[in-house]
N, C-alpha and C. Protein backbone atom coordinates (compact mmCIF):
# COMPACT_ATOMS: atom_id res chain seq x y z
N MET A 1 -13.47 -32.06 31.32
CA MET A 1 -12.35 -32.28 30.31
C MET A 1 -12.45 -33.48 29.83
N VAL A 2 -12.90 -33.46 28.21
CA VAL A 2 -12.84 -34.65 27.34
C VAL A 2 -11.74 -35.31 27.42
N GLU A 3 -11.91 -36.81 27.96
CA GLU A 3 -10.58 -38.00 27.79
C GLU A 3 -9.86 -37.68 26.94
N GLY A 4 -8.16 -37.84 27.21
CA GLY A 4 -7.59 -37.82 25.90
C GLY A 4 -7.22 -36.54 25.40
N ILE A 5 -7.88 -35.10 25.47
CA ILE A 5 -7.76 -34.05 25.12
C ILE A 5 -6.71 -33.19 26.13
N THR A 6 -5.78 -32.75 26.05
CA THR A 6 -5.01 -32.32 26.78
C THR A 6 -5.00 -30.28 26.89
N PRO A 7 -4.63 -29.50 27.95
CA PRO A 7 -4.78 -28.55 27.86
C PRO A 7 -3.93 -27.92 26.48
N SER A 8 -2.22 -28.42 26.50
CA SER A 8 -1.46 -27.80 25.64
C SER A 8 -2.41 -28.24 24.09
N PHE A 9 -3.13 -29.10 23.95
CA PHE A 9 -3.71 -29.69 22.70
C PHE A 9 -4.64 -28.39 22.26
N THR A 10 -5.55 -27.60 23.39
CA THR A 10 -6.79 -26.78 23.63
C THR A 10 -5.72 -25.56 23.13
N LEU A 11 -5.27 -25.48 23.94
CA LEU A 11 -3.93 -24.45 23.18
C LEU A 11 -3.34 -24.03 21.66
N ASN A 12 -3.11 -24.95 21.64
CA ASN A 12 -2.26 -24.93 20.05
C ASN A 12 -3.91 -24.76 19.30
N MET A 13 -4.92 -25.53 19.20
CA MET A 13 -5.95 -25.41 18.18
C MET A 13 -6.58 -23.91 18.02
N LEU A 14 -6.63 -23.26 19.69
CA LEU A 14 -7.21 -22.21 19.81
C LEU A 14 -6.02 -21.11 18.72
N LYS A 15 -4.84 -21.54 18.37
CA LYS A 15 -4.00 -20.52 18.16
C LYS A 15 -3.89 -20.79 16.33
N ILE A 16 -4.38 -22.08 16.41
CA ILE A 16 -4.60 -22.23 14.65
C ILE A 16 -5.89 -21.56 14.20
N LEU A 17 -6.76 -21.95 14.80
CA LEU A 17 -8.00 -21.03 14.92
C LEU A 17 -8.22 -19.28 14.57
N GLY A 18 -7.12 -19.10 15.77
CA GLY A 18 -7.05 -17.53 15.81
C GLY A 18 -6.54 -16.96 14.16
N GLY A 19 -5.28 -17.72 13.57
CA GLY A 19 -4.56 -17.87 12.31
C GLY A 19 -5.47 -17.79 11.55
N ILE A 20 -6.38 -18.73 11.52
CA ILE A 20 -7.04 -18.53 10.14
C ILE A 20 -8.14 -17.65 10.50
N VAL A 21 -8.90 -16.96 11.68
CA VAL A 21 -9.59 -16.00 11.53
C VAL A 21 -8.80 -14.58 11.20
N HIS A 22 -7.43 -14.28 11.36
CA HIS A 22 -6.45 -13.46 11.10
C HIS A 22 -6.52 -13.49 9.26
N TYR A 23 -6.32 -14.61 9.10
CA TYR A 23 -6.21 -14.56 7.30
C TYR A 23 -7.99 -13.83 6.82
N PHE A 24 -8.73 -14.01 7.47
CA PHE A 24 -10.45 -13.62 7.02
C PHE A 24 -10.12 -11.93 6.93
N PHE A 25 -9.13 -11.79 7.95
CA PHE A 25 -9.17 -10.06 8.18
C PHE A 25 -8.35 -8.93 7.86
N PRO A 26 -8.04 -8.94 6.74
CA PRO A 26 -6.87 -8.27 6.49
C PRO A 26 -6.71 -6.86 6.83
N PRO A 27 -5.20 -6.32 7.17
CA PRO A 27 -6.06 -4.66 6.89
C PRO A 27 -6.49 -3.72 6.70
N GLN A 28 -7.37 -2.72 6.83
CA GLN A 28 -7.99 -1.74 5.98
C GLN A 28 -7.02 -0.87 4.98
N ILE A 29 -7.38 -0.53 4.12
CA ILE A 29 -6.24 0.52 3.54
C ILE A 29 -7.13 1.76 2.26
N GLU A 30 -6.79 2.51 3.12
CA GLU A 30 -7.36 3.76 1.98
C GLU A 30 -6.28 4.51 1.82
N VAL A 31 -6.58 5.40 0.25
CA VAL A 31 -5.55 5.78 -0.19
C VAL A 31 -5.93 8.03 -0.08
N ILE A 32 -4.88 8.36 0.44
CA ILE A 32 -4.72 9.72 1.36
C ILE A 32 -5.17 10.55 0.04
N LYS A 33 -6.29 11.14 -0.04
CA LYS A 33 -6.92 12.02 -0.77
C LYS A 33 -6.80 13.35 -0.47
N PRO A 34 -6.34 14.73 -0.63
CA PRO A 34 -5.25 15.14 -1.66
C PRO A 34 -3.99 14.34 -0.45
N GLY A 35 -2.84 13.92 -1.01
CA GLY A 35 -1.72 13.31 -0.86
C GLY A 35 -0.98 12.61 -1.92
N SER A 36 -1.85 12.24 -2.87
CA SER A 36 -1.59 11.14 -3.97
C SER A 36 -1.53 11.83 -4.91
N TYR A 37 -0.43 12.01 -5.90
CA TYR A 37 -0.64 12.65 -7.02
C TYR A 37 0.29 11.96 -8.27
N PHE A 38 0.05 12.02 -9.47
CA PHE A 38 0.75 11.92 -10.83
C PHE A 38 1.45 12.77 -11.36
N GLY A 39 2.37 12.56 -11.98
CA GLY A 39 3.68 13.96 -12.59
C GLY A 39 4.52 13.35 -13.39
N ARG A 40 5.73 14.21 -13.43
CA ARG A 40 6.97 13.99 -13.62
C ARG A 40 7.46 13.63 -12.38
N LEU A 41 8.29 12.84 -12.43
CA LEU A 41 9.20 12.40 -11.30
C LEU A 41 10.86 13.84 -11.27
N ASN A 42 10.76 14.28 -10.09
CA ASN A 42 12.36 15.37 -10.03
C ASN A 42 12.49 15.98 -10.92
N THR A 43 11.93 16.09 -11.85
CA THR A 43 12.25 17.13 -12.62
C THR A 43 11.05 17.62 -14.16
N GLU A 44 10.94 18.61 -14.77
CA GLU A 44 9.68 18.35 -15.54
C GLU A 44 9.80 17.69 -17.26
N ASN A 45 11.03 16.68 -17.06
CA ASN A 45 10.97 15.69 -18.67
C ASN A 45 11.11 14.26 -17.89
N GLY A 46 11.34 14.18 -16.57
CA GLY A 46 11.60 13.22 -15.82
C GLY A 46 10.14 12.08 -16.20
N PRO A 47 10.46 10.50 -15.63
CA PRO A 47 9.36 9.83 -15.91
C PRO A 47 8.01 10.13 -15.19
N PHE A 48 7.03 9.99 -16.14
CA PHE A 48 5.70 9.87 -15.76
C PHE A 48 5.40 8.91 -14.50
N ALA A 49 5.10 9.64 -12.85
CA ALA A 49 4.79 8.57 -12.03
C ALA A 49 3.96 9.26 -11.09
N LEU A 50 3.49 7.74 -10.43
CA LEU A 50 2.51 8.23 -9.72
C LEU A 50 3.20 7.99 -8.54
N PHE A 51 2.50 9.24 -6.91
CA PHE A 51 3.03 8.88 -5.81
C PHE A 51 2.04 8.93 -4.84
N LEU A 52 1.47 7.34 -4.52
CA LEU A 52 0.40 7.24 -3.58
C LEU A 52 0.37 6.85 -2.10
N LYS A 53 -0.12 7.61 -1.61
CA LYS A 53 -0.22 7.86 -0.15
C LYS A 53 -1.33 6.72 0.53
N LEU A 54 -1.13 5.97 1.33
CA LEU A 54 -2.05 5.38 2.36
C LEU A 54 -2.48 5.53 3.51
N ARG A 55 -2.98 4.95 4.28
CA ARG A 55 -3.53 4.97 5.58
C ARG A 55 -3.81 3.54 5.43
N ILE A 56 -3.27 2.52 6.31
CA ILE A 56 -3.27 1.22 6.96
C ILE A 56 -3.62 1.25 8.15
N ARG A 57 -4.56 0.58 8.12
CA ARG A 57 -5.12 0.41 9.91
C ARG A 57 -5.19 -1.42 9.92
N ASN A 58 -4.43 -1.51 10.91
CA ASN A 58 -4.41 -2.92 11.54
C ASN A 58 -5.02 -2.97 12.84
N GLU A 59 -6.16 -3.81 12.86
CA GLU A 59 -6.86 -3.78 13.51
C GLU A 59 -7.20 -5.41 14.53
N SER A 60 -5.96 -5.92 14.35
CA SER A 60 -5.74 -6.99 14.88
C SER A 60 -4.60 -7.40 16.08
N GLU A 61 -4.95 -8.16 16.76
CA GLU A 61 -4.14 -7.56 18.07
C GLU A 61 -2.51 -8.68 17.76
N GLY A 62 -2.22 -9.09 16.39
CA GLY A 62 -0.94 -9.29 15.87
C GLY A 62 -0.32 -8.51 14.86
N ALA A 63 0.48 -7.90 14.53
CA ALA A 63 1.64 -7.45 13.79
C ALA A 63 1.56 -8.02 12.43
N VAL A 64 1.50 -6.77 11.26
CA VAL A 64 1.20 -7.52 10.36
C VAL A 64 2.52 -7.03 9.35
N LEU A 65 2.41 -7.67 8.35
CA LEU A 65 4.13 -7.63 7.38
C LEU A 65 3.51 -7.57 6.24
N ILE A 66 3.89 -6.58 5.47
CA ILE A 66 3.33 -6.61 3.85
C ILE A 66 3.96 -6.99 2.84
N ARG A 67 3.82 -7.88 2.36
CA ARG A 67 4.60 -8.99 1.88
C ARG A 67 4.53 -8.39 -0.25
N SER A 68 3.82 -7.49 -1.09
CA SER A 68 3.80 -6.74 -1.44
C SER A 68 3.01 -5.71 -1.77
N MET A 69 3.30 -5.14 -2.87
CA MET A 69 2.47 -3.97 -3.25
C MET A 69 2.54 -3.70 -4.84
N HIS A 70 1.36 -3.68 -5.37
CA HIS A 70 1.55 -3.15 -7.23
C HIS A 70 -0.06 -2.17 -6.93
N VAL A 71 0.42 -1.69 -8.43
CA VAL A 71 -0.68 -1.35 -9.18
C VAL A 71 -0.93 -1.67 -10.39
N GLN A 72 -2.33 -1.60 -10.55
CA GLN A 72 -3.03 -1.90 -12.34
C GLN A 72 -3.50 -0.85 -12.90
N TYR A 73 -3.01 -0.53 -13.97
CA TYR A 73 -3.78 0.91 -14.60
C TYR A 73 -3.38 0.44 -16.11
N ALA A 74 -4.64 0.87 -17.48
CA ALA A 74 -4.95 0.53 -18.25
C ALA A 74 -4.19 -0.97 -18.43
N GLY A 75 -4.77 -2.09 -17.70
CA GLY A 75 -4.32 -3.53 -18.38
C GLY A 75 -3.25 -4.07 -17.62
N LYS A 76 -1.98 -3.25 -17.56
CA LYS A 76 -0.72 -3.71 -17.11
C LYS A 76 -0.77 -3.46 -15.19
N VAL A 77 0.28 -4.01 -14.56
CA VAL A 77 0.65 -3.99 -13.49
C VAL A 77 1.88 -3.54 -13.36
N TYR A 78 2.43 -2.77 -11.83
CA TYR A 78 3.40 -1.87 -12.07
C TYR A 78 4.00 -1.76 -10.54
N GLU A 79 4.94 -2.39 -10.63
CA GLU A 79 5.86 -2.75 -8.95
C GLU A 79 6.22 -1.58 -8.52
N PRO A 80 6.05 -0.88 -7.36
CA PRO A 80 6.70 0.12 -6.34
C PRO A 80 8.29 0.45 -6.82
N ILE A 81 8.65 1.56 -6.96
CA ILE A 81 10.44 2.00 -7.02
C ILE A 81 10.69 1.94 -5.43
N ASN A 82 11.75 1.74 -5.72
CA ASN A 82 12.94 2.14 -4.24
C ASN A 82 13.82 3.34 -4.34
N GLU A 83 13.27 4.13 -4.81
CA GLU A 83 13.67 5.45 -5.65
C GLU A 83 13.56 6.58 -4.55
N CYS A 84 14.27 7.50 -4.00
CA CYS A 84 14.28 8.74 -2.91
C CYS A 84 14.06 9.89 -4.04
N ALA A 85 12.63 9.49 -4.05
CA ALA A 85 12.22 10.80 -4.71
C ALA A 85 12.26 12.42 -3.86
N ASN A 86 12.31 13.25 -4.34
CA ASN A 86 12.38 14.54 -3.44
C ASN A 86 11.04 15.61 -3.90
N ARG A 87 10.59 15.25 -5.58
CA ARG A 87 9.61 16.39 -5.78
C ARG A 87 8.56 15.60 -7.11
N LEU A 88 7.37 15.75 -7.03
CA LEU A 88 7.03 15.74 -8.44
C LEU A 88 6.41 16.68 -9.50
N PHE A 89 6.55 16.93 -10.34
CA PHE A 89 6.46 17.93 -11.12
C PHE A 89 4.62 17.23 -11.99
N THR A 90 4.12 18.33 -11.49
CA THR A 90 2.58 18.23 -11.69
C THR A 90 1.89 19.68 -12.48
N GLU A 91 0.57 19.14 -13.16
CA GLU A 91 0.29 20.10 -14.33
C GLU A 91 0.26 21.25 -12.95
N ASN A 92 0.08 21.46 -12.18
CA ASN A 92 -0.59 22.70 -11.03
C ASN A 92 1.16 22.75 -10.43
N GLY A 93 1.46 22.47 -10.46
CA GLY A 93 3.68 22.95 -10.10
C GLY A 93 4.01 22.17 -9.19
N TRP A 94 5.14 21.48 -8.49
CA TRP A 94 5.71 21.22 -7.89
C TRP A 94 4.95 20.86 -6.41
N VAL A 95 5.27 19.92 -6.14
CA VAL A 95 5.10 19.33 -4.65
C VAL A 95 5.96 18.68 -4.23
N VAL A 96 6.28 19.17 -3.32
CA VAL A 96 7.90 19.07 -2.06
C VAL A 96 7.42 18.17 -1.07
N ASP A 97 6.25 18.11 -0.56
CA ASP A 97 6.15 17.72 0.71
C ASP A 97 6.39 16.41 0.82
N PHE A 98 7.14 14.98 -0.12
CA PHE A 98 7.07 13.72 0.46
C PHE A 98 7.53 13.54 1.55
N PRO A 99 6.72 12.67 1.79
CA PRO A 99 7.51 12.14 3.34
C PRO A 99 8.96 11.33 3.52
N ARG A 100 9.15 11.36 4.74
CA ARG A 100 10.28 10.82 4.84
C ARG A 100 10.65 9.52 4.21
N PRO A 101 12.09 9.06 3.78
CA PRO A 101 11.98 7.64 3.23
C PRO A 101 11.49 6.68 4.11
N ARG A 102 11.44 6.51 5.29
CA ARG A 102 11.40 5.41 6.05
C ARG A 102 9.75 5.17 6.25
N GLU A 103 8.94 6.31 5.69
CA GLU A 103 7.90 5.92 5.49
C GLU A 103 7.14 5.15 3.70
N ASN A 104 8.16 4.86 2.91
CA ASN A 104 8.00 4.07 2.33
C ASN A 104 7.55 2.44 2.43
N ILE A 105 6.48 2.21 1.58
CA ILE A 105 5.96 1.25 1.99
C ILE A 105 7.33 0.20 2.10
N LEU A 106 7.78 0.05 0.71
CA LEU A 106 9.26 -0.88 0.60
C LEU A 106 9.95 -1.21 1.99
N LEU A 107 10.71 -0.09 2.50
CA LEU A 107 11.35 0.05 3.44
C LEU A 107 10.96 -0.23 4.69
N THR A 108 9.52 0.17 5.24
CA THR A 108 9.10 -0.47 6.52
C THR A 108 7.73 -1.07 6.49
N PRO A 109 7.30 -2.32 5.37
CA PRO A 109 6.25 -2.90 5.28
C PRO A 109 5.77 -3.23 6.45
N HIS A 110 5.97 -3.16 7.53
CA HIS A 110 5.71 -3.70 9.10
C HIS A 110 4.40 -2.89 9.62
N ILE A 111 3.49 -3.30 10.33
CA ILE A 111 2.51 -2.55 11.45
C ILE A 111 2.04 -2.96 12.40
N LEU A 112 2.46 -2.60 13.29
CA LEU A 112 2.04 -2.74 14.48
C LEU A 112 0.66 -3.15 14.78
N SER A 113 0.57 -4.68 16.24
CA SER A 113 -0.65 -4.96 15.89
C SER A 113 -1.55 -3.59 16.54
N MET A 114 -3.03 -3.13 16.26
CA MET A 114 -3.81 -2.02 16.66
C MET A 114 -3.14 -0.81 16.23
N ASP A 115 -2.92 -0.88 15.31
CA ASP A 115 -2.07 0.53 14.92
C ASP A 115 -2.50 0.73 13.42
N VAL A 116 -2.33 2.22 13.13
CA VAL A 116 -2.83 2.91 12.19
C VAL A 116 -1.43 3.53 11.52
N VAL A 117 -0.98 3.51 10.08
CA VAL A 117 0.01 4.27 9.73
C VAL A 117 -0.17 4.63 8.48
N GLU A 118 0.50 5.91 8.27
CA GLU A 118 0.78 6.10 6.73
C GLU A 118 2.38 5.73 6.22
N ARG A 119 1.84 5.18 4.90
CA ARG A 119 3.04 4.87 3.91
C ARG A 119 2.62 5.33 2.38
N PHE A 120 4.02 5.24 1.49
CA PHE A 120 3.59 5.94 0.51
C PHE A 120 4.16 4.68 -0.30
N ALA A 121 3.80 5.16 -1.40
CA ALA A 121 4.64 3.70 -3.19
C ALA A 121 4.95 4.41 -3.86
N LEU A 122 6.00 4.42 -4.95
CA LEU A 122 5.88 5.47 -5.78
C LEU A 122 6.47 4.41 -7.23
N PHE A 123 5.31 4.96 -8.13
CA PHE A 123 5.61 3.53 -9.28
C PHE A 123 5.28 5.09 -10.52
N ILE A 124 6.49 4.19 -11.76
CA ILE A 124 6.65 4.92 -12.27
C ILE A 124 5.70 3.87 -13.55
N VAL A 125 4.82 4.84 -14.39
CA VAL A 125 3.71 4.64 -15.28
C VAL A 125 3.62 4.82 -16.44
N PRO A 126 2.89 4.52 -17.63
CA PRO A 126 3.57 4.72 -18.96
C PRO A 126 3.69 6.37 -18.76
N GLU A 127 3.83 6.52 -20.02
CA GLU A 127 3.82 8.05 -20.56
C GLU A 127 2.75 8.70 -21.27
N HIS A 128 2.47 10.54 -21.09
CA HIS A 128 1.19 10.57 -21.62
C HIS A 128 1.88 11.38 -22.37
N LEU A 129 2.44 11.68 -23.44
CA LEU A 129 2.72 12.77 -24.06
C LEU A 129 1.61 13.85 -24.91
N GLU A 130 0.38 13.08 -25.21
CA GLU A 130 -0.17 14.09 -26.15
C GLU A 130 -0.82 15.23 -25.29
N THR A 131 -1.52 15.09 -24.30
CA THR A 131 -2.42 16.11 -23.38
C THR A 131 -1.93 15.00 -21.89
N TRP A 132 -2.15 16.36 -21.14
CA TRP A 132 -1.52 16.08 -19.27
C TRP A 132 -3.49 15.36 -19.17
N PRO A 133 -2.94 14.02 -18.25
CA PRO A 133 -4.35 13.71 -17.71
C PRO A 133 -5.13 14.58 -17.19
N LYS A 134 -6.52 14.78 -17.33
CA LYS A 134 -7.06 15.12 -16.04
C LYS A 134 -7.01 14.20 -14.69
N ARG A 135 -7.20 13.27 -14.82
CA ARG A 135 -7.80 11.74 -13.38
C ARG A 135 -6.99 10.39 -14.54
N LEU A 136 -6.56 9.75 -13.64
CA LEU A 136 -6.16 8.43 -13.68
C LEU A 136 -6.66 7.38 -12.79
N GLU A 137 -7.37 6.56 -13.40
CA GLU A 137 -8.04 5.56 -12.58
C GLU A 137 -7.06 4.11 -12.35
N PHE A 138 -6.49 3.70 -10.68
CA PHE A 138 -5.84 2.76 -10.64
C PHE A 138 -6.63 1.90 -9.72
N THR A 139 -6.31 0.61 -9.61
CA THR A 139 -6.68 -0.78 -9.02
C THR A 139 -5.20 -0.66 -8.00
N ALA A 140 -5.33 -0.68 -6.54
CA ALA A 140 -4.16 -1.20 -6.00
C ALA A 140 -4.27 -2.35 -5.13
N LYS A 141 -3.51 -3.56 -5.12
CA LYS A 141 -3.42 -4.29 -4.64
C LYS A 141 -2.32 -4.62 -3.04
N ALA A 142 -2.78 -4.81 -2.21
CA ALA A 142 -1.42 -5.13 -1.42
C ALA A 142 -1.50 -6.46 -0.80
N GLU A 143 -0.17 -7.06 -0.54
CA GLU A 143 -0.45 -9.19 -0.45
C GLU A 143 0.57 -8.87 0.97
N PHE A 144 -0.57 -9.44 1.85
CA PHE A 144 0.39 -9.60 3.40
C PHE A 144 0.81 -10.84 4.22
N VAL A 145 1.84 -10.89 4.69
CA VAL A 145 2.32 -12.67 5.23
C VAL A 145 0.84 -12.97 6.08
N ARG A 146 0.45 -14.19 6.09
CA ARG A 146 -0.51 -15.02 6.35
C ARG A 146 -1.86 -14.34 6.72
N ARG A 147 -1.95 -13.18 5.61
CA ARG A 147 -3.21 -12.77 5.46
C ARG A 147 -4.01 -12.53 3.98
N ARG A 148 -5.31 -12.40 4.09
CA ARG A 148 -5.65 -12.65 2.92
C ARG A 148 -5.08 -10.86 2.34
N SER A 149 -5.30 -11.07 0.66
CA SER A 149 -4.83 -9.74 0.35
C SER A 149 -5.66 -8.74 0.54
N LYS A 150 -5.56 -7.47 -0.12
CA LYS A 150 -6.40 -6.58 -0.08
C LYS A 150 -6.37 -5.85 -1.04
N LYS A 151 -7.43 -5.20 -2.03
CA LYS A 151 -7.78 -4.66 -3.40
C LYS A 151 -8.37 -3.42 -3.39
N ILE A 152 -8.25 -2.29 -4.31
CA ILE A 152 -8.73 -1.21 -4.03
C ILE A 152 -8.69 -0.45 -5.20
N SER A 153 -9.82 0.17 -5.53
CA SER A 153 -9.82 0.76 -6.99
C SER A 153 -10.21 2.59 -6.71
N PHE A 154 -9.13 3.35 -7.03
CA PHE A 154 -9.58 4.72 -6.74
C PHE A 154 -8.89 5.80 -7.91
N THR A 155 -9.24 6.59 -8.07
CA THR A 155 -8.91 7.84 -9.01
C THR A 155 -8.28 9.03 -8.47
N VAL A 156 -7.02 9.19 -9.08
CA VAL A 156 -6.08 10.19 -8.75
C VAL A 156 -6.13 11.27 -9.65
N SER A 157 -6.49 12.56 -9.37
CA SER A 157 -7.01 13.46 -10.20
C SER A 157 -6.23 14.75 -9.91
N GLU A 158 -5.90 15.96 -11.02
CA GLU A 158 -5.25 16.68 -10.46
C GLU A 158 -5.97 18.42 -10.41
């Protein structure tokens, strides 16, 4: 042992290095399709919304906490809403298989170690009055506590 370096110092340094390593390896995120939709919220005349369903994989030995989540569409950033919707009117009809509210990313932002979870987020996005869009392109960004953020681009189509 090097003189002057105590076991507790070595243990503390290993914890610090472990935290640095975890920072550079954020959880993996993927958009679940089918399962993510856009349409009118709750009624045929409701606001235009994106229902985003995600699979998040935490491969680290420590739990992860999601600090924030947002999507970017047409150059603007949209935050998820904490509204309990039960259906979305799409061009193809009603989608009624929304998950339980406890799977909302705003209500359950934690992911246990070595776990894979499914979460959803609901976003109000700009109106498309002229024609119903066939597909929309988004970029989603998740920010984590003590982890690097993760950004993914995806297309939702009907």
